[in-house]
Amino acid sequence: MQIGVIQGATRIVGKSQGYNGLPIRDEAIHCTVNGPDTPAMVTAWLPTPAELAALNAGAAVHVRILGRTPPPMAVEVGPVPSIDDRESLDGREADRA
């Protein structure tokens, strides 16, 4: 997977620790366990053509979390980029460069 640029990113994390840098959008969600205004972070990931072919052939998405205690998380599919939404296209193009 390639790091994408999430629409509305509020910060980039990890760069000072030697990682590539991950654009994050901070938001508050309504969580059925933690209640309203639960802080959440959203990132975007783009499959390579080979990964997309594997997914279409039935492969699963594996999520690797560093450490011993996994945080609560959700894995979802984002919206399809729109030709009219320049920000969503810019993130995809920047990732391919």
N, C-alpha and C. Protein backbone atom coordinates (compact mmCIF):
# COMPACT_ATOMS: atom_id res chain seq x y z
N MET A 1 0.84 -1.18 0.00
CA MET A 1 0.00 0.00 0.00
C MET A 1 0.89 1.24 0.00
N GLN A 2 0.39 2.25 -0.66
CA GLN A 2 1.09 3.52 -0.70
C GLN A 2 0.34 4.52 0.18
N ILE A 3 1.09 5.37 0.86
CA ILE A 3 0.47 6.40 1.69
C ILE A 3 -0.26 7.38 0.78
N GLY A 4 -1.52 7.64 1.09
CA GLY A 4 -2.30 8.63 0.37
C GLY A 4 -2.37 9.93 1.16
N VAL A 5 -2.87 10.94 0.53
CA VAL A 5 -3.08 12.22 1.21
C VAL A 5 -4.57 12.32 1.51
N ILE A 6 -4.93 12.18 2.77
CA ILE A 6 -6.34 12.23 3.17
C ILE A 6 -6.87 13.64 2.96
N GLN A 7 -8.06 13.73 2.40
CA GLN A 7 -8.68 15.03 2.18
C GLN A 7 -8.91 15.72 3.53
N GLY A 8 -8.52 16.98 3.63
CA GLY A 8 -8.69 17.73 4.88
C GLY A 8 -7.66 17.40 5.93
N ALA A 9 -6.48 16.89 5.53
CA ALA A 9 -5.44 16.52 6.50
C ALA A 9 -5.13 17.69 7.43
N THR A 10 -4.98 17.38 8.72
CA THR A 10 -4.70 18.40 9.72
C THR A 10 -3.26 18.37 10.22
N ARG A 11 -2.54 17.25 9.96
CA ARG A 11 -1.14 17.16 10.38
C ARG A 11 -0.47 15.97 9.70
N ILE A 12 0.85 15.93 9.80
CA ILE A 12 1.63 14.80 9.29
C ILE A 12 2.43 14.25 10.46
N VAL A 13 2.33 12.94 10.69
CA VAL A 13 3.01 12.33 11.83
C VAL A 13 4.09 11.36 11.35
N GLY A 14 5.04 11.09 12.22
CA GLY A 14 6.05 10.06 11.99
C GLY A 14 7.31 10.50 11.28
N LYS A 15 7.29 11.62 10.60
CA LYS A 15 8.46 12.04 9.83
C LYS A 15 9.67 12.28 10.74
N SER A 16 9.46 12.89 11.90
CA SER A 16 10.57 13.18 12.81
C SER A 16 11.14 11.90 13.44
N GLN A 17 10.41 10.78 13.32
CA GLN A 17 10.87 9.51 13.87
C GLN A 17 11.55 8.65 12.80
N GLY A 18 11.70 9.20 11.60
CA GLY A 18 12.38 8.46 10.55
C GLY A 18 11.46 7.75 9.57
N TYR A 19 10.15 7.87 9.76
CA TYR A 19 9.20 7.27 8.82
C TYR A 19 8.95 8.23 7.66
N ASN A 20 8.19 7.79 6.67
CA ASN A 20 7.90 8.63 5.50
C ASN A 20 7.07 9.85 5.83
N GLY A 21 6.29 9.80 6.86
CA GLY A 21 5.34 10.87 7.18
C GLY A 21 3.96 10.46 6.73
N LEU A 22 3.01 10.52 7.62
CA LEU A 22 1.65 10.06 7.36
C LEU A 22 0.67 11.20 7.56
N PRO A 23 0.04 11.67 6.48
CA PRO A 23 -0.99 12.71 6.62
C PRO A 23 -2.19 12.15 7.39
N ILE A 24 -2.65 12.90 8.38
CA ILE A 24 -3.77 12.49 9.22
C ILE A 24 -4.81 13.60 9.24
N ARG A 25 -6.08 13.19 9.26
CA ARG A 25 -7.17 14.13 9.49
C ARG A 25 -7.74 13.81 10.86
N ASP A 26 -7.64 14.78 11.77
CA ASP A 26 -8.24 14.63 13.10
C ASP A 26 -9.71 14.96 13.00
N GLU A 27 -10.54 14.16 13.66
CA GLU A 27 -11.98 14.43 13.67
C GLU A 27 -12.59 13.86 14.94
N ALA A 28 -13.79 14.28 15.23
CA ALA A 28 -14.55 13.74 16.36
C ALA A 28 -15.70 12.91 15.78
N ILE A 29 -15.87 11.70 16.33
CA ILE A 29 -16.94 10.83 15.85
C ILE A 29 -17.87 10.47 17.00
N HIS A 30 -19.03 9.93 16.67
CA HIS A 30 -19.93 9.39 17.69
C HIS A 30 -19.64 7.90 17.77
N CYS A 31 -19.05 7.47 18.87
CA CYS A 31 -18.67 6.08 19.08
C CYS A 31 -19.68 5.43 20.01
N THR A 32 -20.15 4.23 19.65
CA THR A 32 -21.15 3.56 20.48
C THR A 32 -20.58 3.13 21.84
N VAL A 33 -19.25 3.03 21.96
CA VAL A 33 -18.63 2.66 23.23
C VAL A 33 -18.18 3.89 24.01
N ASN A 34 -17.48 4.82 23.34
CA ASN A 34 -16.90 5.98 24.02
C ASN A 34 -17.77 7.23 23.99
N GLY A 35 -18.86 7.20 23.24
CA GLY A 35 -19.79 8.32 23.24
C GLY A 35 -19.52 9.35 22.16
N PRO A 36 -20.29 10.45 22.23
CA PRO A 36 -20.14 11.51 21.23
C PRO A 36 -18.80 12.24 21.38
N ASP A 37 -18.36 12.85 20.30
CA ASP A 37 -17.12 13.64 20.29
C ASP A 37 -15.88 12.84 20.68
N THR A 38 -15.86 11.55 20.30
CA THR A 38 -14.68 10.73 20.53
C THR A 38 -13.60 11.12 19.52
N PRO A 39 -12.40 11.48 19.98
CA PRO A 39 -11.33 11.84 19.04
C PRO A 39 -10.96 10.65 18.16
N ALA A 40 -10.75 10.92 16.87
CA ALA A 40 -10.36 9.88 15.93
C ALA A 40 -9.37 10.47 14.92
N MET A 41 -8.56 9.60 14.32
CA MET A 41 -7.62 10.00 13.28
C MET A 41 -7.90 9.15 12.05
N VAL A 42 -7.89 9.78 10.86
CA VAL A 42 -8.16 9.07 9.61
C VAL A 42 -6.97 9.25 8.69
N THR A 43 -6.54 8.14 8.05
CA THR A 43 -5.48 8.18 7.06
C THR A 43 -6.00 7.57 5.77
N ALA A 44 -5.30 7.79 4.67
CA ALA A 44 -5.68 7.22 3.38
C ALA A 44 -4.55 6.34 2.85
N TRP A 45 -4.91 5.21 2.29
CA TRP A 45 -3.94 4.28 1.71
C TRP A 45 -4.42 3.88 0.33
N LEU A 46 -3.48 3.82 -0.62
CA LEU A 46 -3.82 3.49 -2.00
C LEU A 46 -3.13 2.19 -2.39
N PRO A 47 -3.90 1.19 -2.83
CA PRO A 47 -3.27 -0.06 -3.25
C PRO A 47 -2.50 0.12 -4.55
N THR A 48 -1.38 -0.58 -4.66
CA THR A 48 -0.64 -0.61 -5.93
C THR A 48 -1.47 -1.43 -6.92
N PRO A 49 -1.17 -1.37 -8.20
CA PRO A 49 -1.91 -2.21 -9.16
C PRO A 49 -1.86 -3.70 -8.80
N ALA A 50 -0.71 -4.19 -8.35
CA ALA A 50 -0.60 -5.60 -7.97
C ALA A 50 -1.47 -5.91 -6.75
N GLU A 51 -1.49 -5.00 -5.77
CA GLU A 51 -2.33 -5.21 -4.58
C GLU A 51 -3.80 -5.15 -4.95
N LEU A 52 -4.16 -4.24 -5.84
CA LEU A 52 -5.55 -4.13 -6.27
C LEU A 52 -5.99 -5.41 -6.98
N ALA A 53 -5.12 -5.97 -7.81
CA ALA A 53 -5.43 -7.24 -8.49
C ALA A 53 -5.61 -8.35 -7.46
N ALA A 54 -4.75 -8.39 -6.44
CA ALA A 54 -4.87 -9.40 -5.39
C ALA A 54 -6.17 -9.23 -4.61
N LEU A 55 -6.53 -7.99 -4.29
CA LEU A 55 -7.80 -7.73 -3.58
C LEU A 55 -8.98 -8.18 -4.42
N ASN A 56 -8.95 -7.86 -5.71
CA ASN A 56 -10.04 -8.26 -6.61
C ASN A 56 -10.12 -9.77 -6.77
N ALA A 57 -8.99 -10.47 -6.54
CA ALA A 57 -8.97 -11.93 -6.61
C ALA A 57 -9.35 -12.57 -5.28
N GLY A 58 -9.67 -11.75 -4.28
CA GLY A 58 -10.14 -12.28 -3.01
C GLY A 58 -9.16 -12.19 -1.85
N ALA A 59 -8.00 -11.58 -2.04
CA ALA A 59 -7.04 -11.44 -0.94
C ALA A 59 -7.60 -10.52 0.13
N ALA A 60 -7.19 -10.75 1.37
CA ALA A 60 -7.63 -9.93 2.49
C ALA A 60 -6.68 -8.76 2.70
N VAL A 61 -7.16 -7.73 3.36
CA VAL A 61 -6.31 -6.61 3.78
C VAL A 61 -5.75 -6.98 5.15
N HIS A 62 -4.44 -6.92 5.31
CA HIS A 62 -3.81 -7.18 6.60
C HIS A 62 -3.37 -5.85 7.19
N VAL A 63 -3.64 -5.65 8.46
CA VAL A 63 -3.25 -4.43 9.16
C VAL A 63 -2.18 -4.80 10.19
N ARG A 64 -1.01 -4.17 10.12
CA ARG A 64 0.06 -4.43 11.08
C ARG A 64 0.16 -3.23 12.01
N ILE A 65 0.06 -3.49 13.31
CA ILE A 65 0.15 -2.45 14.33
C ILE A 65 1.38 -2.74 15.17
N LEU A 66 2.25 -1.75 15.32
CA LEU A 66 3.45 -1.94 16.13
C LEU A 66 3.09 -1.90 17.62
N GLY A 67 3.73 -2.76 18.39
CA GLY A 67 3.49 -2.79 19.82
C GLY A 67 2.76 -4.05 20.24
N ARG A 68 2.25 -4.07 21.46
CA ARG A 68 1.58 -5.25 22.02
C ARG A 68 0.09 -5.03 22.31
N THR A 69 -0.35 -3.78 22.38
CA THR A 69 -1.74 -3.50 22.70
C THR A 69 -2.39 -2.80 21.51
N PRO A 70 -3.27 -3.50 20.79
CA PRO A 70 -3.89 -2.85 19.62
C PRO A 70 -4.93 -1.82 20.04
N PRO A 71 -4.88 -0.65 19.42
CA PRO A 71 -5.89 0.36 19.70
C PRO A 71 -7.19 0.02 18.97
N PRO A 72 -8.33 0.54 19.43
CA PRO A 72 -9.56 0.36 18.67
C PRO A 72 -9.37 0.98 17.28
N MET A 73 -9.86 0.30 16.24
CA MET A 73 -9.70 0.83 14.90
C MET A 73 -10.82 0.34 13.99
N ALA A 74 -10.98 1.02 12.88
CA ALA A 74 -11.94 0.63 11.85
C ALA A 74 -11.21 0.71 10.51
N VAL A 75 -11.46 -0.24 9.64
CA VAL A 75 -10.89 -0.22 8.29
C VAL A 75 -12.06 -0.07 7.33
N GLU A 76 -12.03 0.97 6.52
CA GLU A 76 -13.13 1.28 5.61
C GLU A 76 -12.59 1.63 4.23
N VAL A 77 -13.48 1.68 3.27
CA VAL A 77 -13.14 2.16 1.93
C VAL A 77 -13.60 3.60 1.82
N GLY A 78 -12.72 4.48 1.37
CA GLY A 78 -13.05 5.90 1.21
C GLY A 78 -13.87 6.13 -0.04
N PRO A 79 -14.28 7.38 -0.25
CA PRO A 79 -15.09 7.72 -1.43
C PRO A 79 -14.25 7.65 -2.70
N VAL A 80 -14.91 7.41 -3.81
CA VAL A 80 -14.25 7.42 -5.11
C VAL A 80 -13.86 8.85 -5.44
N PRO A 81 -12.60 9.09 -5.84
CA PRO A 81 -12.19 10.46 -6.18
C PRO A 81 -13.02 11.01 -7.34
N SER A 82 -13.36 12.26 -7.24
CA SER A 82 -14.17 12.92 -8.26
C SER A 82 -13.29 13.81 -9.12
N ILE A 83 -13.54 13.83 -10.41
CA ILE A 83 -12.80 14.69 -11.32
C ILE A 83 -13.04 16.16 -10.96
N ASP A 84 -14.17 16.45 -10.31
CA ASP A 84 -14.50 17.82 -9.91
C ASP A 84 -13.89 18.21 -8.57
N ASP A 85 -13.33 17.24 -7.85
CA ASP A 85 -12.75 17.49 -6.53
C ASP A 85 -11.24 17.46 -6.64
N ARG A 86 -10.63 18.59 -6.90
CA ARG A 86 -9.20 18.69 -7.16
C ARG A 86 -8.37 18.14 -5.99
N GLU A 87 -8.81 18.38 -4.75
CA GLU A 87 -8.03 17.93 -3.59
C GLU A 87 -7.92 16.41 -3.56
N SER A 88 -9.01 15.69 -3.89
CA SER A 88 -8.95 14.23 -3.86
C SER A 88 -8.03 13.70 -4.96
N LEU A 89 -8.00 14.37 -6.09
CA LEU A 89 -7.11 13.94 -7.17
C LEU A 89 -5.66 14.31 -6.88
N ASP A 90 -5.41 15.46 -6.26
CA ASP A 90 -4.05 15.88 -5.94
C ASP A 90 -3.37 14.86 -5.03
N GLY A 91 -4.09 14.31 -4.07
CA GLY A 91 -3.52 13.31 -3.17
C GLY A 91 -3.08 12.06 -3.92
N ARG A 92 -3.85 11.64 -4.89
CA ARG A 92 -3.50 10.45 -5.65
C ARG A 92 -2.30 10.73 -6.55
N GLU A 93 -2.27 11.89 -7.18
CA GLU A 93 -1.17 12.22 -8.09
C GLU A 93 0.13 12.41 -7.32
N ALA A 94 0.07 13.06 -6.16
CA ALA A 94 1.27 13.29 -5.36
C ALA A 94 1.86 11.97 -4.91
N ASP A 95 0.99 10.99 -4.63
CA ASP A 95 1.45 9.71 -4.15
C ASP A 95 2.17 8.92 -5.24
N ARG A 96 1.83 9.15 -6.48
CA ARG A 96 2.43 8.42 -7.59
C ARG A 96 3.76 9.01 -8.02
N ALA A 97 4.01 10.26 -7.62
CA ALA A 97 5.24 10.95 -8.07
C ALA A 97 6.48 10.37 -7.42
